[in-house]
Amino acid sequence: MKTIRIGRTGVEITRIAFGCASIGNLYREVAEEDAQQVLQAAWDAGIRYFDTAPHYGRGLSEQRLGRFLTGRTGAVLSTKVGRVLTPAAAPIPEADSYVRPAQNDVHYDYSGDGIEESLEQSLDRLGVARVDIVYVHDLGTYTHGADNDRHLQAFLGSGYERLVRLKEAGRIGAFGLGVNETEICLRVMDHGPLDVILLAGRLTLLDRSAEDALVPRCRVAGTSLVLGGIFNSGILATGPVAGATYDYGPAPQQVLDRVAALQDQAAAQGMPLATAALHFARDHPAAAAVLLGTANPATLRRNLEALR
């Protein structure tokens, strides 16, 4: 599988990445054996870039990925910081759409100390001494609302510089943001350079808002863009059906109408809507890589086949 270099770093990733949210029991419980099977399917397909986060099942995704990678070489890993986990004070049957997550409570901490603590926890769960990429996870008003200014101040006050030092020390190979909004990316880039941004849902067949300001800014700065959420939470995979989801909730009528038009355009070109969405993301000139995430090996293979 083709690879590409991240920013101006020495980190090289495969152009298709595997996103590990689903194996953290996103929306439904995934058996350990099934999680290992989908990871094996990704590996067998030549994918070597795997993205995870403490948020994904409160650490479960990292644990499962770590077990899979034991004894394997050549993988490129990214995880995320901003959430610090502690043993749960009470049983947690479900949290943030993750079913039967690892039994950990979570609190946000974007300070330098919080970022380093989050990273150390992730390294322990993954069973590795370093990771290639660290993304600062979910800064922005989408997640934090009015609290975002406080979290942003913590990050710019000491978190950013700590990541610079961790990179200089060789503990990480690159760093950036893992977010689903563009404005926070521009604000952080005003503070200092980023190697890479994992952007979910804002550079897709349906939502091209990143093209307005972020894509040109990244081109000038030498910041790579990894694209996640390329189906916009499902609607570009399912089409405008009853119950279709967009941005983690029910799709409003205006979105359903836009997707119906996109579906007609794709059909006129002889391809399903989902295939058109895959190709848009993979072939976009700003995209360093596209992240595919599923707990189903057959779904992964179908998406990979559609990209051939």
C-alpha atoms as a PDB file:
ATOM      1  CA  MET A   1       0.000   0.000   0.000  1.00  0.00           C
ATOM      2  CA  LYS A   2       1.240   3.495  -0.835  1.00  0.00           C
ATOM      3  CA  THR A   3       2.659   5.621   1.952  1.00  0.00           C
ATOM      4  CA  ILE A   4       3.048   9.358   2.483  1.00  0.00           C
ATOM      5  CA  ARG A   5       5.144  11.469   4.839  1.00  0.00           C
ATOM      6  CA  ILE A   6       3.429  13.451   7.582  1.00  0.00           C
ATOM      7  CA  GLY A   7       4.192  17.158   7.348  1.00  0.00           C
ATOM      8  CA  ARG A   8       7.917  17.797   7.515  1.00  0.00           C
ATOM      9  CA  THR A   9       8.522  14.901   9.916  1.00  0.00           C
ATOM     10  CA  GLY A  10      10.035  11.495   9.328  1.00  0.00           C
ATOM     11  CA  VAL A  11       6.728   9.718  10.022  1.00  0.00           C
ATOM     12  CA  GLU A  12       5.314   7.797   7.052  1.00  0.00           C
ATOM     13  CA  ILE A  13       1.769   6.441   7.022  1.00  0.00           C
ATOM     14  CA  THR A  14      -0.232   4.287   4.642  1.00  0.00           C
ATOM     15  CA  ARG A  15      -2.675   6.293   2.534  1.00  0.00           C
ATOM     16  CA  ILE A  16      -5.500   4.301   4.094  1.00  0.00           C
ATOM     17  CA  ALA A  17      -5.660   4.131   7.881  1.00  0.00           C
ATOM     18  CA  PHE A  18      -7.720   1.967  10.187  1.00  0.00           C
ATOM     19  CA  GLY A  19      -9.733   3.824  12.796  1.00  0.00           C
ATOM     20  CA  CYS A  20     -10.234   1.906  16.011  1.00  0.00           C
ATOM     21  CA  ALA A  21     -13.308   3.596  17.505  1.00  0.00           C
ATOM     22  CA  SER A  22     -15.596   0.695  16.615  1.00  0.00           C
ATOM     23  CA  ILE A  23     -13.491  -1.884  18.448  1.00  0.00           C
ATOM     24  CA  GLY A  24     -14.003   0.196  21.584  1.00  0.00           C
ATOM     25  CA  ASN A  25     -17.667  -0.966  21.445  1.00  0.00           C
ATOM     26  CA  LEU A  26     -19.041   2.088  19.695  1.00  0.00           C
ATOM     27  CA  TYR A  27     -22.861   1.750  19.603  1.00  0.00           C
ATOM     28  CA  ARG A  28     -22.697  -2.015  20.207  1.00  0.00           C
ATOM     29  CA  GLU A  29     -20.624  -4.569  22.038  1.00  0.00           C
ATOM     30  CA  VAL A  30     -17.900  -6.155  19.918  1.00  0.00           C
ATOM     31  CA  ALA A  31     -16.485  -9.468  21.071  1.00  0.00           C
ATOM     32  CA  GLU A  32     -12.721  -9.649  21.569  1.00  0.00           C
ATOM     33  CA  GLU A  33     -12.418 -12.240  18.812  1.00  0.00           C
ATOM     34  CA  ASP A  34     -14.338 -10.036  16.371  1.00  0.00           C
ATOM     35  CA  ALA A  35     -12.165  -7.031  17.223  1.00  0.00           C
ATOM     36  CA  GLN A  36      -9.038  -9.044  16.521  1.00  0.00           C
ATOM     37  CA  GLN A  37     -10.486 -10.335  13.254  1.00  0.00           C
ATOM     38  CA  VAL A  38     -11.183  -6.871  11.848  1.00  0.00           C
ATOM     39  CA  LEU A  39      -7.706  -5.707  12.865  1.00  0.00           C
ATOM     40  CA  GLN A  40      -6.289  -8.767  11.088  1.00  0.00           C
ATOM     41  CA  ALA A  41      -8.328  -7.921   7.984  1.00  0.00           C
ATOM     42  CA  ALA A  42      -6.836  -4.423   7.982  1.00  0.00           C
ATOM     43  CA  TRP A  43      -3.321  -5.818   8.404  1.00  0.00           C
ATOM     44  CA  ASP A  44      -3.832  -8.402   5.653  1.00  0.00           C
ATOM     45  CA  ALA A  45      -4.974  -5.614   3.317  1.00  0.00           C
ATOM     46  CA  GLY A  46      -1.679  -3.800   3.825  1.00  0.00           C
ATOM     47  CA  ILE A  47      -2.905  -1.129   6.222  1.00  0.00           C
ATOM     48  CA  ARG A  48      -0.155  -0.223   8.666  1.00  0.00           C
ATOM     49  CA  TYR A  49      -1.470   3.034  10.134  1.00  0.00           C
ATOM     50  CA  PHE A  50      -3.800   2.509  13.096  1.00  0.00           C
ATOM     51  CA  ASP A  51      -5.533   5.344  14.959  1.00  0.00           C
ATOM     52  CA  THR A  52      -7.005   5.004  18.435  1.00  0.00           C
ATOM     53  CA  ALA A  53      -7.787   7.123  21.506  1.00  0.00           C
ATOM     54  CA  PRO A  54      -8.494   6.872  25.245  1.00  0.00           C
ATOM     55  CA  HIS A  55     -12.010   8.079  24.430  1.00  0.00           C
ATOM     56  CA  TYR A  56     -12.763   4.943  22.407  1.00  0.00           C
ATOM     57  CA  GLY A  57     -14.343   2.700  25.003  1.00  0.00           C
ATOM     58  CA  ARG A  58     -12.555   4.437  27.889  1.00  0.00           C
ATOM     59  CA  GLY A  59      -9.284   2.735  26.920  1.00  0.00           C
ATOM     60  CA  LEU A  60     -10.725  -0.533  25.559  1.00  0.00           C
ATOM     61  CA  SER A  61      -9.780   0.251  21.963  1.00  0.00           C
ATOM     62  CA  GLU A  62      -6.165   0.934  22.932  1.00  0.00           C
ATOM     63  CA  GLN A  63      -5.978  -2.289  24.919  1.00  0.00           C
ATOM     64  CA  ARG A  64      -7.333  -4.358  22.037  1.00  0.00           C
ATOM     65  CA  LEU A  65      -5.059  -2.707  19.493  1.00  0.00           C
ATOM     66  CA  GLY A  66      -2.072  -3.245  21.783  1.00  0.00           C
ATOM     67  CA  ARG A  67      -2.850  -6.948  22.085  1.00  0.00           C
ATOM     68  CA  PHE A  68      -3.158  -7.268  18.317  1.00  0.00           C
ATOM     69  CA  LEU A  69       0.157  -5.550  17.616  1.00  0.00           C
ATOM     70  CA  THR A  70       2.143  -7.626  20.111  1.00  0.00           C
ATOM     71  CA  GLY A  71       4.870  -9.360  18.126  1.00  0.00           C
ATOM     72  CA  ARG A  72       4.144  -7.439  14.933  1.00  0.00           C
ATOM     73  CA  THR A  73       6.491  -4.859  13.464  1.00  0.00           C
ATOM     74  CA  GLY A  74       5.978  -2.049  10.972  1.00  0.00           C
ATOM     75  CA  ALA A  75       2.817  -0.515  12.410  1.00  0.00           C
ATOM     76  CA  VAL A  76       2.430   3.261  12.676  1.00  0.00           C
ATOM     77  CA  LEU A  77       0.353   4.324  15.679  1.00  0.00           C
ATOM     78  CA  SER A  78      -1.548   7.433  16.598  1.00  0.00           C
ATOM     79  CA  THR A  79      -3.467   8.063  19.763  1.00  0.00           C
ATOM     80  CA  LYS A  80      -4.938  11.121  21.368  1.00  0.00           C
ATOM     81  CA  VAL A  81      -4.558  13.296  24.453  1.00  0.00           C
ATOM     82  CA  GLY A  82      -6.844  15.612  26.376  1.00  0.00           C
ATOM     83  CA  ARG A  83      -8.713  12.972  28.369  1.00  0.00           C
ATOM     84  CA  VAL A  84      -7.180  11.423  31.488  1.00  0.00           C
ATOM     85  CA  LEU A  85      -8.657   8.144  32.716  1.00  0.00           C
ATOM     86  CA  THR A  86      -8.963   6.924  36.306  1.00  0.00           C
ATOM     87  CA  PRO A  87     -10.546   3.738  37.711  1.00  0.00           C
ATOM     88  CA  ALA A  88     -14.321   4.097  37.797  1.00  0.00           C
ATOM     89  CA  ALA A  89     -15.979   4.963  41.071  1.00  0.00           C
ATOM     90  CA  ALA A  90     -19.128   3.050  40.024  1.00  0.00           C
ATOM     91  CA  PRO A  91     -20.029   0.530  37.289  1.00  0.00           C
ATOM     92  CA  ILE A  92     -20.330   2.034  33.806  1.00  0.00           C
ATOM     93  CA  PRO A  93     -22.658   0.086  31.489  1.00  0.00           C
ATOM     94  CA  GLU A  94     -22.469   2.724  28.741  1.00  0.00           C
ATOM     95  CA  ALA A  95     -20.621   5.997  28.209  1.00  0.00           C
ATOM     96  CA  ASP A  96     -20.584   8.424  25.283  1.00  0.00           C
ATOM     97  CA  SER A  97     -22.195   5.841  22.958  1.00  0.00           C
ATOM     98  CA  TYR A  98     -19.693   3.128  23.951  1.00  0.00           C
ATOM     99  CA  VAL A  99     -21.348  -0.030  25.282  1.00  0.00           C
ATOM    100  CA  ARG A 100     -19.668  -1.842  28.171  1.00  0.00           C
ATOM    101  CA  PRO A 101     -16.514   0.281  28.008  1.00  0.00           C
ATOM    102  CA  ALA A 102     -13.447  -0.278  30.127  1.00  0.00           C
ATOM    103  CA  GLN A 103     -14.344   0.740  33.658  1.00  0.00           C
ATOM    104  CA  ASN A 104     -12.701   4.133  33.788  1.00  0.00           C
ATOM    105  CA  ASP A 105     -13.894   7.597  34.657  1.00  0.00           C
ATOM    106  CA  VAL A 106     -12.635  10.459  32.495  1.00  0.00           C
ATOM    107  CA  HIS A 107     -11.756  14.105  32.931  1.00  0.00           C
ATOM    108  CA  TYR A 108     -10.452  16.638  30.432  1.00  0.00           C
ATOM    109  CA  ASP A 109      -6.965  18.046  30.890  1.00  0.00           C
ATOM    110  CA  TYR A 110      -5.190  19.836  28.050  1.00  0.00           C
ATOM    111  CA  SER A 111      -2.352  21.208  30.181  1.00  0.00           C
ATOM    112  CA  GLY A 112       1.192  20.002  29.692  1.00  0.00           C
ATOM    113  CA  ASP A 113       0.991  17.714  32.721  1.00  0.00           C
ATOM    114  CA  GLY A 114      -2.404  16.386  31.665  1.00  0.00           C
ATOM    115  CA  ILE A 115      -1.196  15.687  28.147  1.00  0.00           C
ATOM    116  CA  GLU A 116       1.854  13.819  29.364  1.00  0.00           C
ATOM    117  CA  GLU A 117      -0.219  11.810  31.849  1.00  0.00           C
ATOM    118  CA  SER A 118      -2.712  10.905  29.128  1.00  0.00           C
ATOM    119  CA  LEU A 119       0.117   9.847  26.823  1.00  0.00           C
ATOM    120  CA  GLU A 120       1.787   7.691  29.472  1.00  0.00           C
ATOM    121  CA  GLN A 121      -1.514   5.943  30.160  1.00  0.00           C
ATOM    122  CA  SER A 122      -1.989   5.277  26.452  1.00  0.00           C
ATOM    123  CA  LEU A 123       1.518   3.883  26.058  1.00  0.00           C
ATOM    124  CA  ASP A 124       0.812   1.497  28.920  1.00  0.00           C
ATOM    125  CA  ARG A 125      -2.497   0.326  27.427  1.00  0.00           C
ATOM    126  CA  LEU A 126      -0.919  -0.079  23.994  1.00  0.00           C
ATOM    127  CA  GLY A 127       2.152  -1.824  25.386  1.00  0.00           C
ATOM    128  CA  VAL A 128       4.600   0.408  23.509  1.00  0.00           C
ATOM    129  CA  ALA A 129       7.365   2.838  24.438  1.00  0.00           C
ATOM    130  CA  ARG A 130       6.370   5.561  21.948  1.00  0.00           C
ATOM    131  CA  VAL A 131       3.750   6.452  19.373  1.00  0.00           C
ATOM    132  CA  ASP A 132       4.267   8.008  15.993  1.00  0.00           C
ATOM    133  CA  ILE A 133       1.523  10.640  16.149  1.00  0.00           C
ATOM    134  CA  VAL A 134      -0.331  12.304  19.009  1.00  0.00           C
ATOM    135  CA  TYR A 135      -3.529  14.198  18.299  1.00  0.00           C
ATOM    136  CA  VAL A 136      -4.993  16.671  20.784  1.00  0.00           C
ATOM    137  CA  HIS A 137      -8.540  15.355  20.895  1.00  0.00           C
ATOM    138  CA  ASP A 138     -11.774  17.331  20.678  1.00  0.00           C
ATOM    139  CA  LEU A 139     -10.638  20.839  21.425  1.00  0.00           C
ATOM    140  CA  GLY A 140     -13.357  23.179  20.225  1.00  0.00           C
ATOM    141  CA  THR A 141     -16.861  24.328  20.974  1.00  0.00           C
ATOM    142  CA  TYR A 142     -18.462  21.258  19.398  1.00  0.00           C
ATOM    143  CA  THR A 143     -17.354  19.194  22.391  1.00  0.00           C
ATOM    144  CA  HIS A 144     -16.800  21.786  25.107  1.00  0.00           C
ATOM    145  CA  GLY A 145     -19.209  24.606  24.383  1.00  0.00           C
ATOM    146  CA  ALA A 146     -18.581  27.574  26.672  1.00  0.00           C
ATOM    147  CA  ASP A 147     -15.810  25.666  28.460  1.00  0.00           C
ATOM    148  CA  ASN A 148     -13.663  25.581  25.347  1.00  0.00           C
ATOM    149  CA  ASP A 149     -11.826  28.823  26.091  1.00  0.00           C
ATOM    150  CA  ARG A 150     -10.623  27.372  29.402  1.00  0.00           C
ATOM    151  CA  HIS A 151      -9.394  24.190  27.738  1.00  0.00           C
ATOM    152  CA  LEU A 152      -7.782  26.114  24.889  1.00  0.00           C
ATOM    153  CA  GLN A 153      -5.952  28.350  27.364  1.00  0.00           C
ATOM    154  CA  ALA A 154      -4.652  25.275  29.176  1.00  0.00           C
ATOM    155  CA  PHE A 155      -3.385  23.824  25.906  1.00  0.00           C
ATOM    156  CA  LEU A 156      -1.785  26.993  24.599  1.00  0.00           C
ATOM    157  CA  GLY A 157      -0.431  27.808  28.048  1.00  0.00           C
ATOM    158  CA  SER A 158       1.573  24.602  28.541  1.00  0.00           C
ATOM    159  CA  GLY A 159       0.158  21.734  26.475  1.00  0.00           C
ATOM    160  CA  TYR A 160       1.495  22.799  23.104  1.00  0.00           C
ATOM    161  CA  GLU A 161       5.012  23.338  24.409  1.00  0.00           C
ATOM    162  CA  ARG A 162       4.959  19.960  26.161  1.00  0.00           C
ATOM    163  CA  LEU A 163       4.188  18.262  22.851  1.00  0.00           C
ATOM    164  CA  VAL A 164       7.080  20.124  21.246  1.00  0.00           C
ATOM    165  CA  ARG A 165       9.376  18.821  23.969  1.00  0.00           C
ATOM    166  CA  LEU A 166       8.036  15.261  23.721  1.00  0.00           C
ATOM    167  CA  LYS A 167       8.691  15.351  19.981  1.00  0.00           C
ATOM    168  CA  GLU A 168      12.209  16.714  20.472  1.00  0.00           C
ATOM    169  CA  ALA A 169      12.882  13.938  22.992  1.00  0.00           C
ATOM    170  CA  GLY A 170      11.730  11.271  20.521  1.00  0.00           C
ATOM    171  CA  ARG A 171       8.757  10.157  22.626  1.00  0.00           C
ATOM    172  CA  ILE A 172       6.441  11.000  19.712  1.00  0.00           C
ATOM    173  CA  GLY A 173       7.138  11.479  16.031  1.00  0.00           C
ATOM    174  CA  ALA A 174       4.557  14.140  15.191  1.00  0.00           C
ATOM    175  CA  PHE A 175       1.623  15.978  16.743  1.00  0.00           C
ATOM    176  CA  GLY A 176      -1.491  17.853  15.789  1.00  0.00           C
ATOM    177  CA  LEU A 177      -5.224  18.048  16.396  1.00  0.00           C
ATOM    178  CA  GLY A 178      -7.949  15.411  16.147  1.00  0.00           C
ATOM    179  CA  VAL A 179     -11.174  17.414  15.792  1.00  0.00           C
ATOM    180  CA  ASN A 180     -14.399  17.805  13.822  1.00  0.00           C
ATOM    181  CA  GLU A 181     -14.403  21.571  13.343  1.00  0.00           C
ATOM    182  CA  THR A 182     -12.103  23.857  11.394  1.00  0.00           C
ATOM    183  CA  GLU A 183     -12.058  27.082  13.420  1.00  0.00           C
ATOM    184  CA  ILE A 184     -10.140  25.559  16.326  1.00  0.00           C
ATOM    185  CA  CYS A 185      -7.479  24.354  13.878  1.00  0.00           C
ATOM    186  CA  LEU A 186      -6.949  27.880  12.590  1.00  0.00           C
ATOM    187  CA  ARG A 187      -6.761  29.286  16.129  1.00  0.00           C
ATOM    188  CA  VAL A 188      -4.122  26.776  17.203  1.00  0.00           C
ATOM    189  CA  MET A 189      -2.137  27.288  14.002  1.00  0.00           C
ATOM    190  CA  ASP A 190      -2.000  30.989  14.873  1.00  0.00           C
ATOM    191  CA  HIS A 191      -0.135  29.907  18.017  1.00  0.00           C
ATOM    192  CA  GLY A 192       2.321  27.486  16.439  1.00  0.00           C
ATOM    193  CA  PRO A 193       2.817  24.932  13.659  1.00  0.00           C
ATOM    194  CA  LEU A 194       1.117  21.550  13.541  1.00  0.00           C
ATOM    195  CA  ASP A 195       2.466  18.497  11.754  1.00  0.00           C
ATOM    196  CA  VAL A 196      -0.937  16.991  11.020  1.00  0.00           C
ATOM    197  CA  ILE A 197      -4.661  17.379  11.594  1.00  0.00           C
ATOM    198  CA  LEU A 198      -7.098  14.480  11.772  1.00  0.00           C
ATOM    199  CA  LEU A 199     -10.258  16.193  10.574  1.00  0.00           C
ATOM    200  CA  ALA A 200     -13.586  14.399  10.905  1.00  0.00           C
ATOM    201  CA  GLY A 201     -16.528  15.246   8.710  1.00  0.00           C
ATOM    202  CA  ARG A 202     -15.467  18.627   7.351  1.00  0.00           C
ATOM    203  CA  LEU A 203     -13.896  17.525   4.074  1.00  0.00           C
ATOM    204  CA  THR A 204     -16.359  15.070   2.601  1.00  0.00           C
ATOM    205  CA  LEU A 205     -18.599  14.690  -0.414  1.00  0.00           C
ATOM    206  CA  LEU A 206     -21.339  16.345   1.658  1.00  0.00           C
ATOM    207  CA  ASP A 207     -19.413  18.910   3.720  1.00  0.00           C
ATOM    208  CA  ARG A 208     -16.491  20.684   2.049  1.00  0.00           C
ATOM    209  CA  SER A 209     -16.245  23.539   4.544  1.00  0.00           C
ATOM    210  CA  ALA A 210     -12.553  22.867   5.219  1.00  0.00           C
ATOM    211  CA  GLU A 211     -11.758  24.010   1.686  1.00  0.00           C
ATOM    212  CA  ASP A 212     -12.594  27.619   2.538  1.00  0.00           C
ATOM    213  CA  ALA A 213      -9.723  28.431   4.908  1.00  0.00           C
ATOM    214  CA  LEU A 214      -8.161  25.334   6.469  1.00  0.00           C
ATOM    215  CA  VAL A 215      -7.009  23.538   3.329  1.00  0.00           C
ATOM    216  CA  PRO A 216      -5.132  26.587   1.957  1.00  0.00           C
ATOM    217  CA  ARG A 217      -3.630  27.242   5.392  1.00  0.00           C
ATOM    218  CA  CYS A 218      -2.396  23.653   5.683  1.00  0.00           C
ATOM    219  CA  ARG A 219      -0.911  23.782   2.203  1.00  0.00           C
ATOM    220  CA  VAL A 220       1.143  26.861   3.054  1.00  0.00           C
ATOM    221  CA  ALA A 221       2.155  25.553   6.494  1.00  0.00           C
ATOM    222  CA  GLY A 222       3.092  22.055   5.357  1.00  0.00           C
ATOM    223  CA  THR A 223       0.486  20.505   7.665  1.00  0.00           C
ATOM    224  CA  SER A 224      -0.871  17.133   6.568  1.00  0.00           C
ATOM    225  CA  LEU A 225      -4.599  16.365   6.642  1.00  0.00           C
ATOM    226  CA  VAL A 226      -5.868  12.914   7.560  1.00  0.00           C
ATOM    227  CA  LEU A 227      -9.576  12.628   6.792  1.00  0.00           C
ATOM    228  CA  GLY A 228     -11.962  10.853   9.142  1.00  0.00           C
ATOM    229  CA  GLY A 229     -15.738  10.749   9.303  1.00  0.00           C
ATOM    230  CA  ILE A 230     -15.902  10.524   5.526  1.00  0.00           C
ATOM    231  CA  PHE A 231     -19.499   9.233   5.635  1.00  0.00           C
ATOM    232  CA  ASN A 232     -20.592  12.100   7.940  1.00  0.00           C
ATOM    233  CA  SER A 233     -21.701   9.718  10.708  1.00  0.00           C
ATOM    234  CA  GLY A 234     -23.399   7.347   8.290  1.00  0.00           C
ATOM    235  CA  ILE A 235     -25.630   9.214   5.859  1.00  0.00           C
ATOM    236  CA  LEU A 236     -23.161   8.986   2.971  1.00  0.00           C
ATOM    237  CA  ALA A 237     -23.070   5.221   3.485  1.00  0.00           C
ATOM    238  CA  THR A 238     -26.808   4.631   3.929  1.00  0.00           C
ATOM    239  CA  GLY A 239     -28.176   7.368   1.716  1.00  0.00           C
ATOM    240  CA  PRO A 240     -31.152   9.548   2.687  1.00  0.00           C
ATOM    241  CA  VAL A 241     -33.141   6.743   4.316  1.00  0.00           C
ATOM    242  CA  ALA A 242     -35.437   7.006   7.318  1.00  0.00           C
ATOM    243  CA  GLY A 243     -33.330   7.236  10.456  1.00  0.00           C
ATOM    244  CA  ALA A 244     -30.182   8.352   8.610  1.00  0.00           C
ATOM    245  CA  THR A 245     -27.609   9.998  10.865  1.00  0.00           C
ATOM    246  CA  TYR A 246     -25.519  13.094  10.273  1.00  0.00           C
ATOM    247  CA  ASP A 247     -22.964  14.487  12.712  1.00  0.00           C
ATOM    248  CA  TYR A 248     -23.903  11.932  15.385  1.00  0.00           C
ATOM    249  CA  GLY A 249     -27.629  12.697  15.302  1.00  0.00           C
ATOM    250  CA  PRO A 250     -30.731  12.422  13.120  1.00  0.00           C
ATOM    251  CA  ALA A 251     -30.193  14.042   9.734  1.00  0.00           C
ATOM    252  CA  PRO A 252     -32.285  17.205   9.204  1.00  0.00           C
ATOM    253  CA  GLN A 253     -34.433  17.447   6.091  1.00  0.00           C
ATOM    254  CA  GLN A 254     -32.113  19.867   4.293  1.00  0.00           C
ATOM    255  CA  VAL A 255     -29.256  17.386   4.684  1.00  0.00           C
ATOM    256  CA  LEU A 256     -31.457  14.517   3.482  1.00  0.00           C
ATOM    257  CA  ASP A 257     -32.321  16.570   0.398  1.00  0.00           C
ATOM    258  CA  ARG A 258     -28.676  17.363  -0.348  1.00  0.00           C
ATOM    259  CA  VAL A 259     -27.688  13.724   0.044  1.00  0.00           C
ATOM    260  CA  ALA A 260     -30.501  12.648  -2.270  1.00  0.00           C
ATOM    261  CA  ALA A 261     -29.067  14.949  -4.943  1.00  0.00           C
ATOM    262  CA  LEU A 262     -25.563  13.571  -4.364  1.00  0.00           C
ATOM    263  CA  GLN A 263     -26.923  10.039  -4.635  1.00  0.00           C
ATOM    264  CA  ASP A 264     -28.502  10.874  -7.998  1.00  0.00           C
ATOM    265  CA  GLN A 265     -25.222  12.371  -9.218  1.00  0.00           C
ATOM    266  CA  ALA A 266     -23.315   9.263  -8.150  1.00  0.00           C
ATOM    267  CA  ALA A 267     -25.851   6.994  -9.854  1.00  0.00           C
ATOM    268  CA  ALA A 268     -25.469   8.989 -13.060  1.00  0.00           C
ATOM    269  CA  GLN A 269     -21.774   8.119 -12.929  1.00  0.00           C
ATOM    270  CA  GLY A 270     -22.548   4.452 -12.333  1.00  0.00           C
ATOM    271  CA  MET A 271     -21.498   4.187  -8.698  1.00  0.00           C
ATOM    272  CA  PRO A 272     -23.149   3.872  -5.296  1.00  0.00           C
ATOM    273  CA  LEU A 273     -23.174   6.925  -3.033  1.00  0.00           C
ATOM    274  CA  ALA A 274     -20.800   5.282  -0.543  1.00  0.00           C
ATOM    275  CA  THR A 275     -18.266   4.598  -3.289  1.00  0.00           C
ATOM    276  CA  ALA A 276     -18.453   8.211  -4.420  1.00  0.00           C
ATOM    277  CA  ALA A 277     -17.846   9.349  -0.831  1.00  0.00           C
ATOM    278  CA  LEU A 278     -14.842   7.055  -0.511  1.00  0.00           C
ATOM    279  CA  HIS A 279     -13.296   8.269  -3.746  1.00  0.00           C
ATOM    280  CA  PHE A 280     -13.922  11.923  -2.952  1.00  0.00           C
ATOM    281  CA  ALA A 281     -11.972  11.629   0.293  1.00  0.00           C
ATOM    282  CA  ARG A 282      -9.176   9.388  -0.967  1.00  0.00           C
ATOM    283  CA  ASP A 283      -8.617  11.404  -4.131  1.00  0.00           C
ATOM    284  CA  HIS A 284      -8.888  14.897  -2.657  1.00  0.00           C
ATOM    285  CA  PRO A 285      -5.572  16.680  -3.298  1.00  0.00           C
ATOM    286  CA  ALA A 286      -5.427  17.876   0.315  1.00  0.00           C
ATOM    287  CA  ALA A 287      -5.791  14.391   1.800  1.00  0.00           C
ATOM    288  CA  ALA A 288      -2.675  12.640   3.062  1.00  0.00           C
ATOM    289  CA  ALA A 289      -4.714   9.639   4.166  1.00  0.00           C
ATOM    290  CA  VAL A 290      -8.271   8.458   4.688  1.00  0.00           C
ATOM    291  CA  LEU A 291      -9.374   6.740   7.854  1.00  0.00           C
ATOM    292  CA  LEU A 292     -11.735   3.755   7.591  1.00  0.00           C
ATOM    293  CA  GLY A 293     -13.349   2.430  10.746  1.00  0.00           C
ATOM    294  CA  THR A 294     -15.586  -0.587  11.285  1.00  0.00           C
ATOM    295  CA  ALA A 295     -15.901  -3.663  13.471  1.00  0.00           C
ATOM    296  CA  ASN A 296     -16.927  -5.783  10.483  1.00  0.00           C
ATOM    297  CA  PRO A 297     -14.177  -7.339   8.315  1.00  0.00           C
ATOM    298  CA  ALA A 298     -16.592  -7.698   5.372  1.00  0.00           C
ATOM    299  CA  THR A 299     -17.425  -3.985   5.499  1.00  0.00           C
ATOM    300  CA  LEU A 300     -13.747  -3.102   5.551  1.00  0.00           C
ATOM    301  CA  ARG A 301     -13.012  -5.359   2.594  1.00  0.00           C
ATOM    302  CA  ARG A 302     -15.962  -3.918   0.656  1.00  0.00           C
ATOM    303  CA  ASN A 303     -14.765  -0.360   1.219  1.00  0.00           C
ATOM    304  CA  LEU A 304     -11.222  -1.255   0.239  1.00  0.00           C
ATOM    305  CA  GLU A 305     -12.492  -2.974  -2.910  1.00  0.00           C
ATOM    306  CA  ALA A 306     -14.486   0.149  -3.778  1.00  0.00           C
ATOM    307  CA  LEU A 307     -11.275   2.172  -3.647  1.00  0.00           C
ATOM    308  CA  ARG A 308      -9.448   0.031  -6.179  1.00  0.00           C
END
